[in-house]
């Protein structure tokens, strides 16, 4: 059985490396070069469970266990009603 995209129904995917942003309790982890299957029509990204588990583990090690991240970003934050 061939899979199809949950959003657009397209059946064509490509293997790619993407940026993944993980958020939990208002804390973030940006991970580059994450392997994903990407819908060739709408761009929706699909990840294997083991990939997401590695990201969750890394997030926990950085935010709870004091592991030092490779890089730290500073980013502005706005409330939409104030724009």
PDB file of N, CA and C in Angstrom:
ATOM      1  N   UNK A   1       0.840  -1.184   0.000  1.00  0.00           N
ATOM      2  CA  UNK A   1       0.000   0.000   0.000  1.00  0.00           C
ATOM      3  C   UNK A   1       0.886   1.249   0.000  1.00  0.00           C
ATOM      4  N   UNK A   2       0.649   2.111  -0.928  1.00  0.00           N
ATOM      5  CA  UNK A   2       1.438   3.335  -1.028  1.00  0.00           C
ATOM      6  C   UNK A   2       0.818   4.412  -0.147  1.00  0.00           C
ATOM      7  N   UNK A   3       1.670   5.125   0.582  1.00  0.00           N
ATOM      8  CA  UNK A   3       1.162   6.170   1.476  1.00  0.00           C
ATOM      9  C   UNK A   3       0.860   7.440   0.700  1.00  0.00           C
ATOM     10  N   UNK A   4       0.058   8.274   1.332  1.00  0.00           N
ATOM     11  CA  UNK A   4      -0.245   9.569   0.743  1.00  0.00           C
ATOM     12  C   UNK A   4      -0.167  10.636   1.832  1.00  0.00           C
ATOM     13  N   UNK A   5       0.053  11.873   1.419  1.00  0.00           N
ATOM     14  CA  UNK A   5       0.179  12.996   2.341  1.00  0.00           C
ATOM     15  C   UNK A   5      -1.141  13.217   3.075  1.00  0.00           C
ATOM     16  N   UNK A   6      -1.064  13.390   4.369  1.00  0.00           N
ATOM     17  CA  UNK A   6      -2.256  13.615   5.193  1.00  0.00           C
ATOM     18  C   UNK A   6      -2.943  14.938   4.876  1.00  0.00           C
ATOM     19  N   UNK A   7      -2.215  15.893   4.326  1.00  0.00           N
ATOM     20  CA  UNK A   7      -2.771  17.216   4.080  1.00  0.00           C
ATOM     21  C   UNK A   7      -3.299  17.382   2.666  1.00  0.00           C
ATOM     22  N   UNK A   8      -2.543  16.945   1.660  1.00  0.00           N
ATOM     23  CA  UNK A   8      -2.953  17.210   0.279  1.00  0.00           C
ATOM     24  C   UNK A   8      -3.293  15.947  -0.511  1.00  0.00           C
ATOM     25  N   UNK A   9      -2.947  14.774   0.025  1.00  0.00           N
ATOM     26  CA  UNK A   9      -3.246  13.523  -0.667  1.00  0.00           C
ATOM     27  C   UNK A   9      -2.210  13.106  -1.697  1.00  0.00           C
ATOM     28  N   UNK A  10      -1.195  13.925  -1.917  1.00  0.00           N
ATOM     29  CA  UNK A  10      -0.142  13.597  -2.875  1.00  0.00           C
ATOM     30  C   UNK A  10       0.556  12.301  -2.471  1.00  0.00           C
ATOM     31  N   UNK A  11       1.028  11.536  -3.441  1.00  0.00           N
ATOM     32  CA  UNK A  11       1.684  10.266  -3.153  1.00  0.00           C
ATOM     33  C   UNK A  11       3.195  10.307  -3.392  1.00  0.00           C
ATOM     34  N   UNK A  12       3.715  11.472  -3.748  1.00  0.00           N
ATOM     35  CA  UNK A  12       5.140  11.584  -4.040  1.00  0.00           C
ATOM     36  C   UNK A  12       5.872  12.306  -2.914  1.00  0.00           C
ATOM     37  N   UNK A  13       6.913  11.641  -2.419  1.00  0.00           N
ATOM     38  CA  UNK A  13       7.728  12.169  -1.330  1.00  0.00           C
ATOM     39  C   UNK A  13       9.191  12.123  -1.728  1.00  0.00           C
ATOM     40  N   UNK A  14       9.985  12.968  -1.075  1.00  0.00           N
ATOM     41  CA  UNK A  14      11.439  12.917  -1.274  1.00  0.00           C
ATOM     42  C   UNK A  14      12.114  12.887   0.094  1.00  0.00           C
ATOM     43  N   UNK A  15      13.231  12.240   0.173  1.00  0.00           N
ATOM     44  CA  UNK A  15      14.048  12.248   1.385  1.00  0.00           C
ATOM     45  C   UNK A  15      14.806  13.568   1.401  1.00  0.00           C
ATOM     46  N   UNK A  16      14.832  14.231   2.556  1.00  0.00           N
ATOM     47  CA  UNK A  16      15.500  15.523   2.649  1.00  0.00           C
ATOM     48  C   UNK A  16      16.014  15.722   4.061  1.00  0.00           C
ATOM     49  N   UNK A  17      16.798  16.749   4.257  1.00  0.00           N
ATOM     50  CA  UNK A  17      17.259  17.173   5.586  1.00  0.00           C
ATOM     51  C   UNK A  17      16.624  18.534   5.841  1.00  0.00           C
ATOM     52  N   UNK A  18      15.947  18.682   6.978  1.00  0.00           N
ATOM     53  CA  UNK A  18      15.190  19.901   7.265  1.00  0.00           C
ATOM     54  C   UNK A  18      15.543  20.448   8.643  1.00  0.00           C
ATOM     55  N   UNK A  19      15.071  21.650   8.921  1.00  0.00           N
ATOM     56  CA  UNK A  19      15.215  22.227  10.255  1.00  0.00           C
ATOM     57  C   UNK A  19      13.950  21.885  11.051  1.00  0.00           C
ATOM     58  N   UNK A  20      14.142  21.404  12.279  1.00  0.00           N
ATOM     59  CA  UNK A  20      13.028  21.026  13.139  1.00  0.00           C
ATOM     60  C   UNK A  20      13.086  21.880  14.398  1.00  0.00           C
ATOM     61  N   UNK A  21      11.950  22.468  14.769  1.00  0.00           N
ATOM     62  CA  UNK A  21      11.887  23.279  15.985  1.00  0.00           C
ATOM     63  C   UNK A  21      11.034  22.545  17.000  1.00  0.00           C
ATOM     64  N   UNK A  22      11.658  22.151  18.103  1.00  0.00           N
ATOM     65  CA  UNK A  22      10.979  21.424  19.171  1.00  0.00           C
ATOM     66  C   UNK A  22      10.665  22.410  20.288  1.00  0.00           C
ATOM     67  N   UNK A  23       9.412  22.388  20.764  1.00  0.00           N
ATOM     68  CA  UNK A  23       9.001  23.294  21.842  1.00  0.00           C
ATOM     69  C   UNK A  23       8.309  22.496  22.932  1.00  0.00           C
ATOM     70  N   UNK A  24       8.700  22.806  24.172  1.00  0.00           N
ATOM     71  CA  UNK A  24       8.045  22.198  25.337  1.00  0.00           C
ATOM     72  C   UNK A  24       8.164  23.179  26.497  1.00  0.00           C
ATOM     73  N   UNK A  25       7.038  23.463  27.160  1.00  0.00           N
ATOM     74  CA  UNK A  25       7.019  24.389  28.305  1.00  0.00           C
ATOM     75  C   UNK A  25       7.714  25.724  27.996  1.00  0.00           C
ATOM     76  N   UNK A  26       7.403  26.306  26.851  1.00  0.00           N
ATOM     77  CA  UNK A  26       7.978  27.590  26.433  1.00  0.00           C
ATOM     78  C   UNK A  26       9.499  27.580  26.314  1.00  0.00           C
ATOM     79  N   UNK A  27      10.063  26.419  26.114  1.00  0.00           N
ATOM     80  CA  UNK A  27      11.491  26.283  25.826  1.00  0.00           C
ATOM     81  C   UNK A  27      11.611  25.660  24.446  1.00  0.00           C
ATOM     82  N   UNK A  28      12.658  26.039  23.737  1.00  0.00           N
ATOM     83  CA  UNK A  28      12.816  25.612  22.355  1.00  0.00           C
ATOM     84  C   UNK A  28      14.158  24.932  22.133  1.00  0.00           C
ATOM     85  N   UNK A  29      14.172  24.101  21.102  1.00  0.00           N
ATOM     86  CA  UNK A  29      15.415  23.539  20.585  1.00  0.00           C
ATOM     87  C   UNK A  29      15.288  23.524  19.071  1.00  0.00           C
ATOM     88  N   UNK A  30      16.212  24.186  18.390  1.00  0.00           N
ATOM     89  CA  UNK A  30      16.251  24.178  16.931  1.00  0.00           C
ATOM     90  C   UNK A  30      17.292  23.146  16.523  1.00  0.00           C
ATOM     91  N   UNK A  31      16.882  22.212  15.672  1.00  0.00           N
ATOM     92  CA  UNK A  31      17.781  21.150  15.227  1.00  0.00           C
ATOM     93  C   UNK A  31      17.879  21.213  13.701  1.00  0.00           C
ATOM     94  N   UNK A  32      19.088  21.350  13.203  1.00  0.00           N
ATOM     95  CA  UNK A  32      19.319  21.412  11.757  1.00  0.00           C
ATOM     96  C   UNK A  32      19.629  20.041  11.187  1.00  0.00           C
ATOM     97  N   UNK A  33      19.391  19.894   9.906  1.00  0.00           N
ATOM     98  CA  UNK A  33      19.738  18.680   9.139  1.00  0.00           C
ATOM     99  C   UNK A  33      19.065  17.423   9.675  1.00  0.00           C
ATOM    100  N   UNK A  34      17.793  17.533   9.994  1.00  0.00           N
ATOM    101  CA  UNK A  34      17.016  16.393  10.489  1.00  0.00           C
ATOM    102  C   UNK A  34      16.471  15.623   9.293  1.00  0.00           C
ATOM    103  N   UNK A  35      16.696  14.301   9.229  1.00  0.00           N
ATOM    104  CA  UNK A  35      16.158  13.520   8.110  1.00  0.00           C
ATOM    105  C   UNK A  35      14.632  13.478   8.164  1.00  0.00           C
ATOM    106  N   UNK A  36      14.025  13.692   6.985  1.00  0.00           N
ATOM    107  CA  UNK A  36      12.565  13.703   6.900  1.00  0.00           C
ATOM    108  C   UNK A  36      12.130  13.257   5.512  1.00  0.00           C
ATOM    109  N   UNK A  37      10.889  12.795   5.434  1.00  0.00           N
ATOM    110  CA  UNK A  37      10.239  12.598   4.146  1.00  0.00           C
ATOM    111  C   UNK A  37       9.387  13.835   3.930  1.00  0.00           C
ATOM    112  N   UNK A  38       9.523  14.459   2.771  1.00  0.00           N
ATOM    113  CA  UNK A  38       8.829  15.707   2.489  1.00  0.00           C
ATOM    114  C   UNK A  38       7.906  15.505   1.292  1.00  0.00           C
ATOM    115  N   UNK A  39       6.647  15.914   1.453  1.00  0.00           N
ATOM    116  CA  UNK A  39       5.682  15.842   0.356  1.00  0.00           C
ATOM    117  C   UNK A  39       6.155  16.763  -0.762  1.00  0.00           C
ATOM    118  N   UNK A  40       6.218  16.250  -1.970  1.00  0.00           N
ATOM    119  CA  UNK A  40       6.704  17.045  -3.092  1.00  0.00           C
ATOM    120  C   UNK A  40       5.685  18.087  -3.557  1.00  0.00           C
ATOM    121  N   UNK A  41       4.435  17.981  -3.132  1.00  0.00           N
ATOM    122  CA  UNK A  41       3.433  18.953  -3.559  1.00  0.00           C
ATOM    123  C   UNK A  41       3.275  20.089  -2.545  1.00  0.00           C
ATOM    124  N   UNK A  42       3.017  19.744  -1.277  1.00  0.00           N
ATOM    125  CA  UNK A  42       2.716  20.792  -0.293  1.00  0.00           C
ATOM    126  C   UNK A  42       3.857  21.058   0.687  1.00  0.00           C
ATOM    127  N   UNK A  43       4.862  20.185   0.741  1.00  0.00           N
ATOM    128  CA  UNK A  43       6.008  20.403   1.617  1.00  0.00           C
ATOM    129  C   UNK A  43       5.844  19.875   3.033  1.00  0.00           C
ATOM    130  N   UNK A  44       4.720  19.215   3.324  1.00  0.00           N
ATOM    131  CA  UNK A  44       4.529  18.656   4.672  1.00  0.00           C
ATOM    132  C   UNK A  44       5.669  17.692   4.981  1.00  0.00           C
ATOM    133  N   UNK A  45       6.129  17.722   6.235  1.00  0.00           N
ATOM    134  CA  UNK A  45       7.289  16.922   6.636  1.00  0.00           C
ATOM    135  C   UNK A  45       6.851  15.772   7.544  1.00  0.00           C
ATOM    136  N   UNK A  46       7.452  14.601   7.319  1.00  0.00           N
ATOM    137  CA  UNK A  46       7.171  13.411   8.117  1.00  0.00           C
ATOM    138  C   UNK A  46       8.489  12.881   8.679  1.00  0.00           C
ATOM    139  N   UNK A  47       8.455  12.502   9.969  1.00  0.00           N
ATOM    140  CA  UNK A  47       9.666  12.071  10.666  1.00  0.00           C
ATOM    141  C   UNK A  47       9.468  10.678  11.238  1.00  0.00           C
ATOM    142  N   UNK A  48      10.542   9.912  11.267  1.00  0.00           N
ATOM    143  CA  UNK A  48      10.501   8.596  11.913  1.00  0.00           C
ATOM    144  C   UNK A  48      10.521   8.793  13.420  1.00  0.00           C
ATOM    145  N   UNK A  49       9.905   7.865  14.131  1.00  0.00           N
ATOM    146  CA  UNK A  49       9.784   7.961  15.591  1.00  0.00           C
ATOM    147  C   UNK A  49      11.150   8.026  16.270  1.00  0.00           C
ATOM    148  N   UNK A  50      12.124   7.250  15.803  1.00  0.00           N
ATOM    149  CA  UNK A  50      13.438   7.259  16.453  1.00  0.00           C
ATOM    150  C   UNK A  50      14.134   8.612  16.305  1.00  0.00           C
ATOM    151  N   UNK A  51      13.884   9.312  15.211  1.00  0.00           N
ATOM    152  CA  UNK A  51      14.452  10.643  15.001  1.00  0.00           C
ATOM    153  C   UNK A  51      13.873  11.619  16.028  1.00  0.00           C
ATOM    154  N   UNK A  52      12.552  11.579  16.204  1.00  0.00           N
ATOM    155  CA  UNK A  52      11.901  12.482  17.160  1.00  0.00           C
ATOM    156  C   UNK A  52      12.302  12.157  18.595  1.00  0.00           C
ATOM    157  N   UNK A  53      12.494  10.894  18.901  1.00  0.00           N
ATOM    158  CA  UNK A  53      12.931  10.507  20.252  1.00  0.00           C
ATOM    159  C   UNK A  53      14.331  11.038  20.544  1.00  0.00           C
ATOM    160  N   UNK A  54      15.215  11.014  19.555  1.00  0.00           N
ATOM    161  CA  UNK A  54      16.561  11.571  19.738  1.00  0.00           C
ATOM    162  C   UNK A  54      16.490  13.068  20.017  1.00  0.00           C
ATOM    163  N   UNK A  55      15.609  13.765  19.310  1.00  0.00           N
ATOM    164  CA  UNK A  55      15.456  15.206  19.510  1.00  0.00           C
ATOM    165  C   UNK A  55      14.919  15.491  20.908  1.00  0.00           C
ATOM    166  N   UNK A  56      13.915  14.727  21.349  1.00  0.00           N
ATOM    167  CA  UNK A  56      13.368  14.901  22.701  1.00  0.00           C
ATOM    168  C   UNK A  56      14.432  14.654  23.763  1.00  0.00           C
ATOM    169  N   UNK A  57      15.258  13.638  23.559  1.00  0.00           N
ATOM    170  CA  UNK A  57      16.323  13.319  24.508  1.00  0.00           C
ATOM    171  C   UNK A  57      17.343  14.458  24.569  1.00  0.00           C
ATOM    172  N   UNK A  58      17.721  14.980  23.423  1.00  0.00           N
ATOM    173  CA  UNK A  58      18.682  16.091  23.369  1.00  0.00           C
ATOM    174  C   UNK A  58      18.099  17.331  24.060  1.00  0.00           C
ATOM    175  N   UNK A  59      16.821  17.612  23.823  1.00  0.00           N
ATOM    176  CA  UNK A  59      16.141  18.725  24.469  1.00  0.00           C
ATOM    177  C   UNK A  59      16.230  18.583  25.983  1.00  0.00           C
ATOM    178  N   UNK A  60      15.937  17.396  26.477  1.00  0.00           N
ATOM    179  CA  UNK A  60      15.976  17.138  27.919  1.00  0.00           C
ATOM    180  C   UNK A  60      17.389  17.303  28.478  1.00  0.00           C
ATOM    181  N   UNK A  61      18.380  16.806  27.767  1.00  0.00           N
ATOM    182  CA  UNK A  61      19.764  16.919  28.229  1.00  0.00           C
ATOM    183  C   UNK A  61      20.218  18.380  28.282  1.00  0.00           C
ATOM    184  N   UNK A  62      19.767  19.183  27.337  1.00  0.00           N
ATOM    185  CA  UNK A  62      20.153  20.595  27.307  1.00  0.00           C
ATOM    186  C   UNK A  62      19.400  21.385  28.373  1.00  0.00           C
ATOM    187  N   UNK A  63      18.084  21.194  28.457  1.00  0.00           N
ATOM    188  CA  UNK A  63      17.272  22.028  29.340  1.00  0.00           C
ATOM    189  C   UNK A  63      17.178  21.504  30.770  1.00  0.00           C
ATOM    190  N   UNK A  64      17.441  20.233  30.992  1.00  0.00           N
ATOM    191  CA  UNK A  64      17.320  19.687  32.352  1.00  0.00           C
ATOM    192  C   UNK A  64      18.639  19.213  32.937  1.00  0.00           C
ATOM    193  N   UNK A  65      19.497  18.679  32.087  1.00  0.00           N
ATOM    194  CA  UNK A  65      20.729  18.081  32.595  1.00  0.00           C
ATOM    195  C   UNK A  65      21.951  18.980  32.420  1.00  0.00           C
ATOM    196  N   UNK A  66      21.739  20.160  31.851  1.00  0.00           N
ATOM    197  CA  UNK A  66      22.843  21.116  31.752  1.00  0.00           C
ATOM    198  C   UNK A  66      23.811  20.901  30.618  1.00  0.00           C
ATOM    199  N   UNK A  67      23.448  20.057  29.644  1.00  0.00           N
ATOM    200  CA  UNK A  67      24.328  19.870  28.493  1.00  0.00           C
ATOM    201  C   UNK A  67      24.429  21.193  27.728  1.00  0.00           C
ATOM    202  N   UNK A  68      25.605  21.489  27.244  1.00  0.00           N
ATOM    203  CA  UNK A  68      25.832  22.730  26.510  1.00  0.00           C
ATOM    204  C   UNK A  68      25.436  22.529  25.039  1.00  0.00           C
ATOM    205  N   UNK A  69      24.616  23.429  24.531  1.00  0.00           N
ATOM    206  CA  UNK A  69      24.203  23.376  23.127  1.00  0.00           C
ATOM    207  C   UNK A  69      25.336  23.844  22.223  1.00  0.00           C
ATOM    208  N   UNK A  70      25.315  23.378  20.977  1.00  0.00           N
ATOM    209  CA  UNK A  70      26.336  23.763  20.011  1.00  0.00           C
ATOM    210  C   UNK A  70      26.299  25.265  19.736  1.00  0.00           C
ATOM    211  N   UNK A  71      25.100  25.850  19.745  1.00  0.00           N
ATOM    212  CA  UNK A  71      24.928  27.276  19.471  1.00  0.00           C
ATOM    213  C   UNK A  71      23.681  27.747  20.215  1.00  0.00           C
ATOM    214  N   UNK A  72      23.646  29.006  20.605  1.00  0.00           N
ATOM    215  CA  UNK A  72      22.481  29.589  21.274  1.00  0.00           C
ATOM    216  C   UNK A  72      22.033  30.796  20.463  1.00  0.00           C
ATOM    217  N   UNK A  73      20.734  30.852  20.175  1.00  0.00           N
ATOM    218  CA  UNK A  73      20.163  31.969  19.419  1.00  0.00           C
ATOM    219  C   UNK A  73      19.416  32.908  20.348  1.00  0.00           C
ATOM    220  N   UNK A  74      19.473  34.172  20.037  1.00  0.00           N
ATOM    221  CA  UNK A  74      18.646  35.166  20.710  1.00  0.00           C
ATOM    222  C   UNK A  74      17.623  35.621  19.697  1.00  0.00           C
ATOM    223  N   UNK A  75      16.334  35.614  20.051  1.00  0.00           N
ATOM    224  CA  UNK A  75      15.340  35.992  19.064  1.00  0.00           C
ATOM    225  C   UNK A  75      14.258  36.869  19.652  1.00  0.00           C
ATOM    226  N   UNK A  76      13.827  37.881  18.869  1.00  0.00           N
ATOM    227  CA  UNK A  76      12.781  38.767  19.334  1.00  0.00           C
ATOM    228  C   UNK A  76      11.426  38.043  19.390  1.00  0.00           C
ATOM    229  N   UNK A  77      10.582  38.469  20.337  1.00  0.00           N
ATOM    230  CA  UNK A  77       9.252  37.886  20.483  1.00  0.00           C
ATOM    231  C   UNK A  77       8.248  39.034  20.576  1.00  0.00           C
ATOM    232  N   UNK A  78       7.144  38.925  19.851  1.00  0.00           N
ATOM    233  CA  UNK A  78       6.089  39.937  19.845  1.00  0.00           C
ATOM    234  C   UNK A  78       4.740  39.287  20.135  1.00  0.00           C
ATOM    235  N   UNK A  79       3.823  40.063  20.681  1.00  0.00           N
ATOM    236  CA  UNK A  79       2.429  39.653  20.812  1.00  0.00           C
ATOM    237  C   UNK A  79       1.690  40.185  19.599  1.00  0.00           C
ATOM    238  N   UNK A  80       0.884  39.354  18.946  1.00  0.00           N
ATOM    239  CA  UNK A  80       0.225  39.744  17.708  1.00  0.00           C
ATOM    240  C   UNK A  80      -0.664  40.971  17.896  1.00  0.00           C
ATOM    241  N   UNK A  81      -1.381  41.041  19.004  1.00  0.00           N
ATOM    242  CA  UNK A  81      -2.306  42.175  19.216  1.00  0.00           C
ATOM    243  C   UNK A  81      -1.562  43.504  19.333  1.00  0.00           C
ATOM    244  N   UNK A  82      -0.270  43.465  19.571  1.00  0.00           N
ATOM    245  CA  UNK A  82       0.521  44.684  19.690  1.00  0.00           C
ATOM    246  C   UNK A  82       1.213  45.096  18.394  1.00  0.00           C
ATOM    247  N   UNK A  83       1.049  44.305  17.382  1.00  0.00           N
ATOM    248  CA  UNK A  83       1.705  44.605  16.096  1.00  0.00           C
ATOM    249  C   UNK A  83       0.833  45.547  15.281  1.00  0.00           C
TER     250      UNK A  83
END
